[in-house]
Amino acid sequence: MNITGRVHALFHRFVLRRKSTSFVVLGLSFVGFGIGTLSLATVLKANIDLVFEYGWQALMDGAAMQLIELLVNGYLAMACYVVFKACEHRLVHALAERD
């Protein structure tokens, strides 16, 4: 089994199996997504404007590292959103089930 299959199996076994765990992880991923995207667009735009205005000097002074950090932050926020949607899907289907 490859790494993504293992992660999927572990996520399903430990998070999606119980409604209470899904709810807690949903809340944590919501907070993670919110923190990750709070000012992401504003800081990213300022960083790109700085690079366009000052060019190579801005990149050498740390703008390149900041841009990489912003992109990683964006991808982590996106991962939190995917986890949020998976937990939401699990809980909505659990609420909609008829016994």
N, C-alpha and C. Protein backbone atom coordinates (compact mmCIF):
# COMPACT_ATOMS: atom_id res chain seq x y z
N MET A 1 0.85 -1.18 0.00
CA MET A 1 0.00 0.00 0.00
C MET A 1 0.90 1.24 0.00
N ASN A 2 0.55 2.22 -0.80
CA ASN A 2 1.35 3.44 -0.88
C ASN A 2 1.02 4.38 0.28
N ILE A 3 1.76 5.48 0.34
CA ILE A 3 1.63 6.42 1.47
C ILE A 3 0.25 7.08 1.52
N THR A 4 -0.31 7.43 0.36
CA THR A 4 -1.62 8.09 0.38
C THR A 4 -2.71 7.12 0.83
N GLY A 5 -2.56 5.86 0.46
CA GLY A 5 -3.53 4.86 0.93
C GLY A 5 -3.46 4.67 2.43
N ARG A 6 -2.25 4.70 2.96
CA ARG A 6 -2.09 4.57 4.42
C ARG A 6 -2.67 5.76 5.15
N VAL A 7 -2.41 6.96 4.62
CA VAL A 7 -2.95 8.17 5.26
C VAL A 7 -4.47 8.14 5.19
N HIS A 8 -5.01 7.75 4.05
CA HIS A 8 -6.47 7.67 3.91
C HIS A 8 -7.06 6.67 4.90
N ALA A 9 -6.44 5.50 5.02
CA ALA A 9 -6.94 4.48 5.95
C ALA A 9 -6.85 4.96 7.40
N LEU A 10 -5.74 5.58 7.77
CA LEU A 10 -5.60 6.09 9.14
C LEU A 10 -6.59 7.21 9.43
N PHE A 11 -6.76 8.11 8.45
CA PHE A 11 -7.71 9.20 8.64
C PHE A 11 -9.13 8.66 8.82
N HIS A 12 -9.48 7.70 8.02
CA HIS A 12 -10.83 7.11 8.14
C HIS A 12 -10.98 6.37 9.46
N ARG A 13 -9.94 5.62 9.86
CA ARG A 13 -10.03 4.83 11.08
C ARG A 13 -10.09 5.70 12.33
N PHE A 14 -9.28 6.76 12.38
CA PHE A 14 -9.19 7.53 13.62
C PHE A 14 -10.08 8.78 13.67
N VAL A 15 -10.45 9.32 12.50
CA VAL A 15 -11.21 10.57 12.49
C VAL A 15 -12.66 10.34 12.06
N LEU A 16 -12.86 9.71 10.94
CA LEU A 16 -14.20 9.63 10.37
C LEU A 16 -15.06 8.52 10.96
N ARG A 17 -14.49 7.62 11.70
CA ARG A 17 -15.27 6.51 12.24
C ARG A 17 -16.26 6.98 13.31
N ARG A 18 -15.86 7.95 14.13
CA ARG A 18 -16.73 8.43 15.21
C ARG A 18 -17.19 9.85 14.91
N LYS A 19 -18.45 10.12 15.19
CA LYS A 19 -19.00 11.45 14.94
C LYS A 19 -18.35 12.50 15.85
N SER A 20 -18.09 12.13 17.10
CA SER A 20 -17.51 13.11 18.03
C SER A 20 -16.09 13.50 17.60
N THR A 21 -15.31 12.53 17.16
CA THR A 21 -13.95 12.84 16.69
C THR A 21 -14.01 13.68 15.42
N SER A 22 -14.95 13.34 14.54
CA SER A 22 -15.11 14.14 13.31
C SER A 22 -15.46 15.58 13.64
N PHE A 23 -16.30 15.76 14.64
CA PHE A 23 -16.71 17.12 15.02
C PHE A 23 -15.54 17.92 15.59
N VAL A 24 -14.74 17.28 16.42
CA VAL A 24 -13.57 17.97 17.01
C VAL A 24 -12.56 18.32 15.92
N VAL A 25 -12.28 17.38 15.02
CA VAL A 25 -11.33 17.64 13.94
C VAL A 25 -11.88 18.69 12.99
N LEU A 26 -13.20 18.69 12.76
CA LEU A 26 -13.83 19.72 11.94
C LEU A 26 -13.57 21.10 12.53
N GLY A 27 -13.76 21.24 13.83
CA GLY A 27 -13.52 22.52 14.49
C GLY A 27 -12.07 22.96 14.43
N LEU A 28 -11.15 22.02 14.67
CA LEU A 28 -9.72 22.34 14.61
C LEU A 28 -9.30 22.73 13.19
N SER A 29 -9.81 22.02 12.19
CA SER A 29 -9.44 22.36 10.82
C SER A 29 -10.06 23.70 10.40
N PHE A 30 -11.22 24.02 10.92
CA PHE A 30 -11.83 25.31 10.63
C PHE A 30 -10.98 26.45 11.19
N VAL A 31 -10.50 26.27 12.42
CA VAL A 31 -9.64 27.27 13.04
C VAL A 31 -8.31 27.37 12.28
N GLY A 32 -7.75 26.21 11.91
CA GLY A 32 -6.50 26.21 11.14
C GLY A 32 -6.64 26.91 9.81
N PHE A 33 -7.76 26.67 9.12
CA PHE A 33 -8.01 27.34 7.85
C PHE A 33 -8.17 28.84 8.05
N GLY A 34 -8.88 29.23 9.10
CA GLY A 34 -9.08 30.64 9.37
C GLY A 34 -7.78 31.37 9.69
N ILE A 35 -6.96 30.75 10.51
CA ILE A 35 -5.67 31.37 10.85
C ILE A 35 -4.77 31.41 9.63
N GLY A 36 -4.79 30.35 8.83
CA GLY A 36 -3.92 30.27 7.67
C GLY A 36 -4.27 31.25 6.57
N THR A 37 -5.51 31.65 6.50
CA THR A 37 -5.94 32.54 5.42
C THR A 37 -6.31 33.94 5.90
N LEU A 38 -6.08 34.23 7.18
CA LEU A 38 -6.52 35.49 7.75
C LEU A 38 -6.05 36.69 6.95
N SER A 39 -4.78 36.79 6.70
CA SER A 39 -4.27 37.93 5.94
C SER A 39 -3.37 37.47 4.80
N LEU A 40 -3.59 36.27 4.36
CA LEU A 40 -2.73 35.68 3.34
C LEU A 40 -2.73 36.48 2.05
N ALA A 41 -3.88 36.85 1.56
CA ALA A 41 -3.96 37.59 0.29
C ALA A 41 -3.29 38.96 0.39
N THR A 42 -3.50 39.64 1.50
CA THR A 42 -2.92 40.98 1.67
C THR A 42 -1.40 40.91 1.73
N VAL A 43 -0.86 39.99 2.53
CA VAL A 43 0.59 39.88 2.67
C VAL A 43 1.22 39.37 1.38
N LEU A 44 0.55 38.45 0.69
CA LEU A 44 1.07 37.95 -0.58
C LEU A 44 1.13 39.05 -1.63
N LYS A 45 0.09 39.89 -1.69
CA LYS A 45 0.08 41.00 -2.64
C LYS A 45 1.20 42.00 -2.30
N ALA A 46 1.37 42.30 -1.02
CA ALA A 46 2.44 43.22 -0.62
C ALA A 46 3.82 42.66 -0.96
N ASN A 47 3.99 41.35 -0.78
CA ASN A 47 5.27 40.73 -1.11
C ASN A 47 5.54 40.80 -2.60
N ILE A 48 4.56 40.51 -3.41
CA ILE A 48 4.74 40.56 -4.86
C ILE A 48 4.98 41.99 -5.33
N ASP A 49 4.27 42.95 -4.76
CA ASP A 49 4.51 44.35 -5.10
C ASP A 49 5.93 44.77 -4.74
N LEU A 50 6.43 44.32 -3.59
CA LEU A 50 7.79 44.63 -3.17
C LEU A 50 8.81 44.08 -4.16
N VAL A 51 8.59 42.85 -4.60
CA VAL A 51 9.51 42.24 -5.56
C VAL A 51 9.48 42.99 -6.89
N PHE A 52 8.29 43.36 -7.34
CA PHE A 52 8.20 44.09 -8.61
C PHE A 52 8.83 45.48 -8.51
N GLU A 53 8.73 46.09 -7.33
CA GLU A 53 9.27 47.44 -7.19
C GLU A 53 10.79 47.44 -7.01
N TYR A 54 11.33 46.54 -6.19
CA TYR A 54 12.75 46.56 -5.87
C TYR A 54 13.55 45.43 -6.50
N GLY A 55 12.88 44.47 -7.12
CA GLY A 55 13.54 43.43 -7.90
C GLY A 55 14.45 42.52 -7.09
N TRP A 56 15.65 42.31 -7.66
CA TRP A 56 16.61 41.37 -7.09
C TRP A 56 17.00 41.71 -5.66
N GLN A 57 17.11 42.98 -5.36
CA GLN A 57 17.49 43.40 -4.00
C GLN A 57 16.45 42.93 -2.98
N ALA A 58 15.18 43.06 -3.31
CA ALA A 58 14.12 42.61 -2.40
C ALA A 58 14.19 41.09 -2.20
N LEU A 59 14.46 40.37 -3.28
CA LEU A 59 14.58 38.91 -3.16
C LEU A 59 15.75 38.52 -2.27
N MET A 60 16.85 39.21 -2.41
CA MET A 60 18.03 38.92 -1.59
C MET A 60 17.83 39.30 -0.12
N ASP A 61 16.99 40.29 0.13
CA ASP A 61 16.75 40.74 1.50
C ASP A 61 15.70 39.91 2.23
N GLY A 62 15.17 38.86 1.59
CA GLY A 62 14.25 37.97 2.29
C GLY A 62 12.88 37.84 1.67
N ALA A 63 12.60 38.56 0.60
CA ALA A 63 11.27 38.47 -0.01
C ALA A 63 11.04 37.09 -0.63
N ALA A 64 12.10 36.46 -1.14
CA ALA A 64 11.95 35.13 -1.73
C ALA A 64 11.58 34.12 -0.65
N MET A 65 12.24 34.18 0.49
CA MET A 65 11.92 33.27 1.59
C MET A 65 10.51 33.51 2.10
N GLN A 66 10.13 34.77 2.21
CA GLN A 66 8.78 35.09 2.66
C GLN A 66 7.75 34.59 1.66
N LEU A 67 8.03 34.69 0.38
CA LEU A 67 7.11 34.20 -0.65
C LEU A 67 6.95 32.68 -0.53
N ILE A 68 8.04 31.97 -0.32
CA ILE A 68 7.96 30.52 -0.13
C ILE A 68 7.15 30.18 1.11
N GLU A 69 7.38 30.91 2.20
CA GLU A 69 6.61 30.69 3.43
C GLU A 69 5.13 30.96 3.22
N LEU A 70 4.79 31.99 2.47
CA LEU A 70 3.39 32.30 2.18
C LEU A 70 2.74 31.21 1.34
N LEU A 71 3.47 30.69 0.38
CA LEU A 71 2.93 29.61 -0.45
C LEU A 71 2.71 28.33 0.37
N VAL A 72 3.66 28.00 1.25
CA VAL A 72 3.49 26.84 2.12
C VAL A 72 2.30 27.06 3.05
N ASN A 73 2.17 28.26 3.58
CA ASN A 73 1.04 28.59 4.44
C ASN A 73 -0.28 28.43 3.69
N GLY A 74 -0.31 28.84 2.44
CA GLY A 74 -1.51 28.68 1.62
C GLY A 74 -1.86 27.22 1.40
N TYR A 75 -0.86 26.39 1.14
CA TYR A 75 -1.12 24.97 0.94
C TYR A 75 -1.56 24.29 2.24
N LEU A 76 -1.00 24.70 3.37
CA LEU A 76 -1.46 24.15 4.65
C LEU A 76 -2.90 24.56 4.94
N ALA A 77 -3.25 25.80 4.61
CA ALA A 77 -4.63 26.25 4.79
C ALA A 77 -5.56 25.45 3.89
N MET A 78 -5.12 25.16 2.66
CA MET A 78 -5.94 24.37 1.75
C MET A 78 -6.11 22.94 2.29
N ALA A 79 -5.06 22.37 2.88
CA ALA A 79 -5.17 21.04 3.48
C ALA A 79 -6.17 21.05 4.64
N CYS A 80 -6.15 22.11 5.44
CA CYS A 80 -7.14 22.25 6.52
C CYS A 80 -8.55 22.31 5.96
N TYR A 81 -8.71 23.00 4.85
CA TYR A 81 -10.03 23.10 4.22
C TYR A 81 -10.51 21.72 3.73
N VAL A 82 -9.62 20.94 3.15
CA VAL A 82 -9.99 19.61 2.67
C VAL A 82 -10.40 18.72 3.83
N VAL A 83 -9.66 18.78 4.94
CA VAL A 83 -10.02 18.01 6.13
C VAL A 83 -11.37 18.49 6.66
N PHE A 84 -11.59 19.79 6.68
CA PHE A 84 -12.87 20.36 7.12
C PHE A 84 -14.01 19.80 6.27
N LYS A 85 -13.85 19.81 4.95
CA LYS A 85 -14.91 19.34 4.06
C LYS A 85 -15.16 17.84 4.23
N ALA A 86 -14.11 17.05 4.47
CA ALA A 86 -14.29 15.61 4.68
C ALA A 86 -15.09 15.35 5.96
N CYS A 87 -14.75 16.05 7.02
CA CYS A 87 -15.49 15.90 8.28
C CYS A 87 -16.92 16.40 8.14
N GLU A 88 -17.08 17.51 7.44
CA GLU A 88 -18.43 18.04 7.21
C GLU A 88 -19.27 17.02 6.44
N HIS A 89 -18.71 16.43 5.41
CA HIS A 89 -19.42 15.42 4.62
C HIS A 89 -19.85 14.26 5.51
N ARG A 90 -18.95 13.79 6.35
CA ARG A 90 -19.25 12.67 7.26
C ARG A 90 -20.38 13.04 8.21
N LEU A 91 -20.32 14.22 8.79
CA LEU A 91 -21.34 14.61 9.77
C LEU A 91 -22.69 14.87 9.11
N VAL A 92 -22.70 15.49 7.95
CA VAL A 92 -23.97 15.77 7.27
C VAL A 92 -24.65 14.47 6.87
N HIS A 93 -23.87 13.52 6.37
CA HIS A 93 -24.48 12.24 6.00
C HIS A 93 -24.94 11.47 7.23
N ALA A 94 -24.26 11.61 8.34
CA ALA A 94 -24.70 10.97 9.56
C ALA A 94 -26.01 11.58 10.07
N LEU A 95 -26.14 12.89 9.93
CA LEU A 95 -27.38 13.55 10.36
C LEU A 95 -28.56 13.25 9.42
N ALA A 96 -28.27 13.02 8.17
CA ALA A 96 -29.34 12.79 7.18
C ALA A 96 -29.78 11.33 7.13
N GLU A 97 -29.06 10.43 7.78
CA GLU A 97 -29.44 9.01 7.75
C GLU A 97 -30.76 8.80 8.44
N ARG A 98 -31.50 7.85 7.90
CA ARG A 98 -32.74 7.44 8.55
C ARG A 98 -32.48 6.11 9.23
N ASP A 99 -32.92 6.01 10.45
CA ASP A 99 -32.72 4.74 11.20
C ASP A 99 -33.80 3.77 10.92
